[in-house]
C-alpha cells in the first residue's frame, strides 16, 4: 500500500476547509490500491499518474475555494469602505449645509449693522449746524460787511460772489465796491468731514443818485430872455436823448446831452412855426436808473 501526503499552506481563515480536503484525498487514494504483486510495477505506475491527476484536481479545487473566500472577504471590505464613504459624504453634506446656514446668519447679522452705521452717518451730518451773521445786508457802495459764523464746524470757506479770492477764515471782513446783488456762500466742514453750505444775499446800492428835471410844456423863443429855449437839467446822468416831432410825426429836432437845448428851430436852423410839438426824453443815470418822459409842448 502506498500513501501520499500533501501540504497546502493557506491563511488561517481557510485552514479547516483545506484539512478536510486533504483527508478526503488520502482516503480516495487508499481505496485505489492494487493487491496484485505481479502487476505492482504497472499498477504502481498507473496509480502514480492517477494520483498526480487527482492531486492536481484537489489543489485546483482548494485554490478555487480559497479564491472564492478571498473574493467574499474583499467584497465585504469594499462594502464596508463604501458604507463608511457614504457616511463621510453625508456628514460632509451636513457640514456644508451647516456652513452655508452660518454664512447666511452672518450676512443677516452684518446687514443691520451696516444699516445702523449708515443711519449714524446721516445723523452726524444732520448735526452739522452753521449760520451766517452779518452787521448789514444792504447799503451803498462801497459797502463793508463783517461776516461771523455760528455753528460747530472746524473748517470754513467763504465765497463772496464778486469774483474775489476765496478765504478760509472763520470770521471774515469784505468790501463790496460795485453796486449789485451778491450771493455769499459759506461752506463748513465738521470733525467727521461732513460738509454743509449756507448762503446770504448782500445788496449793494449805488451811492450816487440820478435825477432828471421836469420837461416844460410851453416856451416862446422871442429873444426876451424868458423861456426862450427848452433845456432839461439832470444830475448824475450818463446817457441822454431828446427828440422833437411835429403834429404829423416828422422829426424836427434832437439833442443828445444835458448841455443841449431846443430854441424853436429845426435841424436846418430854420425857425419853426408856432404850434404844438411833441417831445420824448430818455436818460440813464450813473446809478443805473432809467428816466423817460413824453410830453406835448406849445411853441409861441
Protein backbone atom coordinates (compact mmCIF):
# COMPACT_ATOMS: atom_id res chain seq x y z
CA UNK A 1 0.00 0.00 0.00
CA UNK A 2 1.30 3.44 -0.93
CA UNK A 3 0.31 6.59 0.89
CA UNK A 4 0.87 10.16 -0.33
CA UNK A 5 0.74 13.19 1.89
CA UNK A 6 0.30 16.75 0.52
CA UNK A 7 0.77 20.02 2.35
CA UNK A 8 -1.17 23.12 1.25
CA UNK A 9 -0.28 26.33 3.01
CA UNK A 10 -3.16 28.83 3.21
CA UNK A 11 -4.20 31.53 5.55
CA UNK A 12 -5.88 30.92 8.88
CA UNK A 13 -9.35 31.73 7.61
CA UNK A 14 -9.47 28.65 5.29
CA UNK A 15 -7.27 26.18 7.29
CA UNK A 16 -10.14 23.91 8.36
CA UNK A 17 -11.52 23.63 4.80
CA UNK A 18 -8.08 22.68 3.44
CA UNK A 19 -7.55 19.96 6.12
CA UNK A 20 -10.86 18.38 5.21
CA UNK A 21 -9.95 18.34 1.51
CA UNK A 22 -6.58 16.60 2.29
CA UNK A 23 -8.24 13.87 4.35
CA UNK A 24 -10.75 13.14 1.60
CA UNK A 25 -7.95 12.92 -0.97
CA UNK A 26 -5.99 10.44 1.21
CA UNK A 27 -8.98 8.17 1.61
CA UNK A 28 -9.60 8.20 -2.09
CA UNK A 29 -6.00 7.18 -2.82
CA UNK A 30 -6.12 4.29 -0.34
CA UNK A 31 -9.22 2.78 -1.98
CA UNK A 32 -7.37 2.57 -5.28
CA UNK A 33 -4.50 0.26 -4.05
CA UNK A 34 -3.90 -2.78 -6.26
CA UNK A 35 -3.33 -6.13 -4.41
CA UNK A 36 -1.75 -7.93 -7.31
CA UNK A 37 2.03 -8.09 -6.73
CA UNK A 38 2.80 -9.23 -10.29
CA UNK A 39 1.31 -6.14 -11.70
CA UNK A 40 2.63 -3.92 -8.98
CA UNK A 41 5.03 -2.06 -11.21
CA UNK A 42 2.47 -1.28 -13.91
CA UNK A 43 -0.28 -0.62 -11.44
CA UNK A 44 2.09 1.46 -9.35
CA UNK A 45 2.97 3.49 -12.45
CA UNK A 46 -0.68 3.91 -13.43
CA UNK A 47 -1.58 4.68 -9.84
CA UNK A 48 1.17 7.28 -9.71
CA UNK A 49 -0.19 9.00 -12.83
CA UNK A 50 -3.72 8.80 -11.48
CA UNK A 51 -2.55 10.07 -8.10
CA UNK A 52 -0.82 13.02 -9.77
CA UNK A 53 -4.01 13.88 -11.67
CA UNK A 54 -6.07 13.60 -8.52
CA UNK A 55 -3.56 15.78 -6.70
CA UNK A 56 -3.89 18.46 -9.36
CA UNK A 57 -7.69 18.26 -9.14
CA UNK A 58 -7.62 18.59 -5.36
CA UNK A 59 -5.19 21.50 -5.45
CA UNK A 60 -7.31 23.21 -8.13
CA UNK A 61 -10.46 22.75 -6.05
CA UNK A 62 -8.70 24.06 -2.96
CA UNK A 63 -7.37 27.03 -4.88
CA UNK A 64 -10.86 27.84 -6.21
CA UNK A 65 -12.30 27.67 -2.70
CA UNK A 66 -9.54 29.92 -1.34
CA UNK A 67 -10.07 32.36 -4.19
CA UNK A 68 -13.82 32.37 -3.53
CA UNK A 69 -13.22 33.01 0.18
CA UNK A 70 -10.81 35.83 -0.71
CA UNK A 71 -13.33 37.39 -3.13
CA UNK A 72 -16.03 37.25 -0.42
CA UNK A 73 -13.67 38.92 2.07
CA UNK A 74 -12.67 41.61 -0.45
CA UNK A 75 -16.33 42.30 -1.30
CA UNK A 76 -17.09 42.57 2.40
CA UNK A 77 -14.23 45.04 2.87
CA UNK A 78 -15.31 47.04 -0.19
CA UNK A 79 -18.90 47.19 1.04
CA UNK A 80 -17.64 48.36 4.43
CA UNK A 81 -15.49 51.02 2.76
CA UNK A 82 -18.43 52.18 0.61
CA UNK A 83 -20.64 52.41 3.67
CA UNK A 84 -18.01 54.46 5.50
CA UNK A 85 -17.60 56.69 2.44
CA UNK A 86 -21.36 57.22 2.30
CA UNK A 87 -21.37 58.15 5.97
CA UNK A 88 -18.45 60.55 5.43
CA UNK A 89 -20.14 62.09 2.37
CA UNK A 90 -23.40 62.54 4.29
CA UNK A 91 -21.52 64.22 7.12
CA UNK A 92 -19.72 66.43 4.58
CA UNK A 93 -23.06 67.47 3.05
CA UNK A 94 -24.48 68.17 6.50
CA UNK A 95 -21.37 70.18 7.38
CA UNK A 96 -21.61 72.14 4.11
CA UNK A 97 -25.30 72.89 4.76
CA UNK A 98 -24.44 73.99 8.29
CA UNK A 99 -21.63 76.21 7.00
CA UNK A 100 -23.98 77.80 4.42
CA UNK A 101 -26.58 78.40 7.14
CA UNK A 102 -23.94 80.03 9.37
CA UNK A 103 -22.84 82.20 6.44
CA UNK A 104 -26.45 83.30 5.85
CA UNK A 105 -26.82 84.14 9.53
CA UNK A 106 -23.59 86.14 9.38
CA UNK A 107 -24.85 88.16 6.40
CA UNK A 108 -28.17 88.75 8.17
CA UNK A 109 -26.31 89.89 11.26
CA UNK A 110 -23.99 92.19 9.29
CA UNK A 111 -26.84 93.75 7.26
CA UNK A 112 -28.46 95.51 10.26
CA UNK A 113 -25.01 96.61 11.41
CA UNK A 114 -24.30 98.24 8.02
CA UNK A 115 -27.71 99.92 8.04
CA UNK A 116 -27.04 101.12 11.56
CA UNK A 117 -23.72 102.69 10.51
CA UNK A 118 -25.42 104.44 7.58
CA UNK A 119 -28.09 105.88 9.85
CA UNK A 120 -25.36 107.04 12.20
CA UNK A 121 -23.58 108.87 9.38
CA UNK A 122 -26.79 110.63 8.34
CA UNK A 123 -27.46 111.71 11.90
CA UNK A 124 -23.92 113.05 12.30
CA UNK A 125 -24.23 115.06 9.07
CA UNK A 126 -27.59 116.43 10.18
CA UNK A 127 -25.96 117.58 13.42
CA UNK A 128 -23.63 119.89 11.49
CA UNK A 129 -25.07 123.34 12.10
CA UNK A 130 -23.81 126.57 10.56
CA UNK A 131 -25.27 130.04 10.19
CA UNK A 132 -24.02 133.36 8.79
CA UNK A 133 -24.28 136.51 10.87
CA UNK A 134 -23.54 139.95 9.34
CA UNK A 135 -23.53 143.52 10.54
CA UNK A 136 -25.62 144.51 7.48
CA UNK A 137 -27.13 143.01 4.33
CA UNK A 138 -27.80 146.24 2.39
CA UNK A 139 -26.01 149.51 1.82
CA UNK A 140 -24.44 151.89 -0.66
CA UNK A 141 -21.17 151.13 -2.42
CA UNK A 142 -18.52 150.76 -1.25
CA UNK A 143 -20.18 148.52 1.36
CA UNK A 144 -18.14 147.00 4.18
CA UNK A 145 -19.62 143.80 5.65
CA UNK A 146 -18.49 141.79 8.67
CA UNK A 147 -19.20 138.05 8.43
CA UNK A 148 -19.34 135.80 11.50
CA UNK A 149 -20.08 132.09 11.87
CA UNK A 150 -22.44 130.39 14.27
CA UNK A 151 -22.11 126.58 14.32
CA UNK A 152 -19.98 123.58 15.17
CA UNK A 153 -17.73 123.37 12.12
CA UNK A 154 -13.97 123.05 12.32
CA UNK A 155 -13.07 124.46 8.89
CA UNK A 156 -14.66 127.12 6.68
CA UNK A 157 -14.58 128.52 3.15
CA UNK A 158 -16.04 131.90 2.09
CA UNK A 159 -17.08 132.75 -1.49
CA UNK A 160 -18.32 136.36 -1.64
CA UNK A 161 -19.76 136.05 -5.14
CA UNK A 162 -17.99 139.08 -6.63
CA UNK A 163 -15.01 137.28 -8.16
CA UNK A 164 -12.73 137.99 -5.22
CA UNK A 165 -10.42 135.40 -3.69
CA UNK A 166 -11.96 132.66 -1.54
CA UNK A 167 -10.89 132.81 2.10
CA UNK A 168 -10.79 130.14 4.80
CA UNK A 169 -11.03 132.41 7.84
CA UNK A 170 -13.76 131.59 10.30
CA UNK A 171 -14.85 135.21 10.69
CA UNK A 172 -14.22 137.46 7.73
CA UNK A 173 -14.46 141.06 6.57
CA UNK A 174 -15.23 142.03 2.97
CA UNK A 175 -15.80 145.23 0.97
CA UNK A 176 -18.19 145.29 -2.00
CA UNK A 177 -17.14 148.08 -4.33
CA UNK A 178 -19.66 147.76 -7.15
CA UNK A 179 -23.45 148.07 -6.83
CA UNK A 180 -25.41 144.84 -7.28
CA UNK A 181 -26.76 141.78 -5.50
CA UNK A 182 -24.23 139.20 -4.32
CA UNK A 183 -24.85 135.65 -3.08
CA UNK A 184 -22.29 134.92 -0.38
CA UNK A 185 -21.66 131.18 0.20
CA UNK A 186 -20.18 129.72 3.36
CA UNK A 187 -19.09 126.05 3.33
CA UNK A 188 -18.43 124.49 6.73
CA UNK A 189 -16.80 121.11 7.47
CA UNK A 190 -17.14 119.27 10.79
CA UNK A 191 -14.75 116.85 12.52
CA UNK A 192 -16.27 113.90 10.63
CA UNK A 193 -15.55 115.54 7.23
CA UNK A 194 -19.25 116.25 6.64
CA UNK A 195 -19.83 119.46 4.67
CA UNK A 196 -22.69 121.95 4.66
CA UNK A 197 -23.18 125.15 2.64
CA UNK A 198 -25.34 128.15 3.59
CA UNK A 199 -25.93 131.38 1.68
CA UNK A 200 -26.60 135.06 2.37
CA UNK A 201 -27.65 137.73 -0.14
CA UNK A 202 -25.91 141.11 0.12
CA UNK A 203 -27.44 144.06 -1.74
CA UNK A 204 -25.05 146.86 -2.63
CA UNK A 205 -26.67 150.12 -3.71
CA UNK A 206 -25.12 152.89 -5.73
CA UNK A 207 -24.04 155.84 -3.60
CA UNK A 208 -24.90 158.20 -6.50
CA UNK A 209 -28.50 159.12 -7.19
CA UNK A 210 -29.51 160.28 -10.65
CA UNK A 211 -32.36 162.65 -11.42
CA UNK A 212 -33.94 164.46 -14.37
CA UNK A 213 -35.72 167.81 -14.32
CA UNK A 214 -39.31 168.20 -15.48
CA UNK A 215 -39.82 168.95 -19.17
CA UNK A 216 -41.58 172.33 -19.72
CA UNK A 217 -44.88 172.43 -21.59
CA UNK A 218 -44.62 175.91 -23.16
CA UNK A 219 -41.89 178.26 -24.41
CA UNK A 220 -41.62 181.41 -26.52
CA UNK A 221 -38.30 181.93 -28.36
CA UNK A 222 -38.76 185.67 -28.92
CA UNK A 223 -35.42 186.86 -27.57
CA UNK A 224 -36.74 188.47 -24.36
CA UNK A 225 -34.67 186.16 -22.21
CA UNK A 226 -37.69 184.46 -20.71
CA UNK A 227 -38.50 180.90 -21.78
CA UNK A 228 -36.56 181.41 -24.97
CA UNK A 229 -35.29 177.77 -25.03
CA UNK A 230 -36.24 174.31 -23.85
CA UNK A 231 -33.46 172.93 -21.67
CA UNK A 232 -33.72 169.83 -19.47
CA UNK A 233 -31.49 169.59 -16.43
CA UNK A 234 -30.45 166.45 -14.56
CA UNK A 235 -27.94 165.02 -12.07
CA UNK A 236 -25.61 162.06 -12.48
CA UNK A 237 -26.93 161.34 -15.97
CA UNK A 238 -24.56 159.35 -18.19
CA UNK A 239 -26.80 158.96 -21.27
CA UNK A 240 -29.34 161.42 -22.63
CA UNK A 241 -31.51 161.82 -25.78
CA UNK A 242 -34.30 164.29 -26.57
CA UNK A 243 -36.36 164.08 -29.79
CA UNK A 244 -38.88 166.68 -31.06
CA UNK A 245 -41.59 165.85 -33.66
CA UNK A 246 -44.34 167.89 -35.24
CA UNK A 247 -48.03 167.06 -35.29
CA UNK A 248 -47.51 164.79 -38.29
CA UNK A 249 -44.77 162.80 -36.52
CA UNK A 250 -41.89 164.21 -38.50
CA UNK A 251 -38.55 164.62 -36.75
CA UNK A 252 -37.80 168.33 -36.49
CA UNK A 253 -35.08 168.49 -33.86
CA UNK A 254 -33.00 166.42 -31.36
CA UNK A 255 -30.06 166.74 -28.96
CA UNK A 256 -28.01 164.17 -27.03
CA UNK A 257 -26.56 165.78 -23.90
CA UNK A 258 -27.65 167.77 -20.89
CA UNK A 259 -25.79 170.75 -22.35
CA UNK A 260 -28.00 170.76 -25.43
CA UNK A 261 -31.33 172.64 -25.83
CA UNK A 262 -34.08 173.48 -28.35
CA UNK A 263 -34.57 177.13 -29.39
CA UNK A 264 -37.56 176.72 -31.71
CA UNK A 265 -35.59 175.97 -34.84
CA UNK A 266 -35.41 172.83 -36.96
CA UNK A 267 -32.35 170.76 -37.90
CA UNK A 268 -31.65 173.20 -40.75
CA UNK A 269 -31.63 176.13 -38.29
CA UNK A 270 -34.96 177.42 -39.69
CA UNK A 271 -37.48 179.00 -37.32
CA UNK A 272 -40.42 176.66 -36.85
CA UNK A 273 -43.97 177.94 -36.94
CA UNK A 274 -45.94 178.35 -33.74
CA UNK A 275 -47.97 175.33 -32.73
CA UNK A 276 -47.99 172.06 -30.83
CA UNK A 277 -44.97 169.78 -30.83
CA UNK A 278 -44.17 166.52 -29.12
CA UNK A 279 -41.02 165.79 -27.16
CA UNK A 280 -39.61 162.43 -25.97
CA UNK A 281 -36.76 162.33 -23.41
CA UNK A 282 -34.83 159.20 -22.44
CA UNK A 283 -31.95 159.28 -19.90
CA UNK A 284 -29.90 156.74 -17.89
CA UNK A 285 -28.29 157.71 -14.59
CA UNK A 286 -24.91 156.77 -13.12
CA UNK A 287 -26.77 154.60 -10.65
CA UNK A 288 -28.35 152.60 -13.49
CA UNK A 289 -31.70 154.31 -13.09
CA UNK A 290 -33.64 154.90 -16.33
CA UNK A 291 -35.64 158.14 -16.80
CA UNK A 292 -38.12 158.79 -19.61
CA UNK A 293 -40.79 161.39 -20.40
CA UNK A 294 -43.23 162.04 -23.25
CA UNK A 295 -44.98 165.40 -23.39
CA UNK A 296 -46.59 167.86 -25.74
CA UNK A 297 -45.12 171.34 -25.80
CA UNK A 298 -46.56 174.62 -27.13
CA UNK A 299 -44.38 176.89 -29.20
CA UNK A 300 -45.49 180.61 -29.08
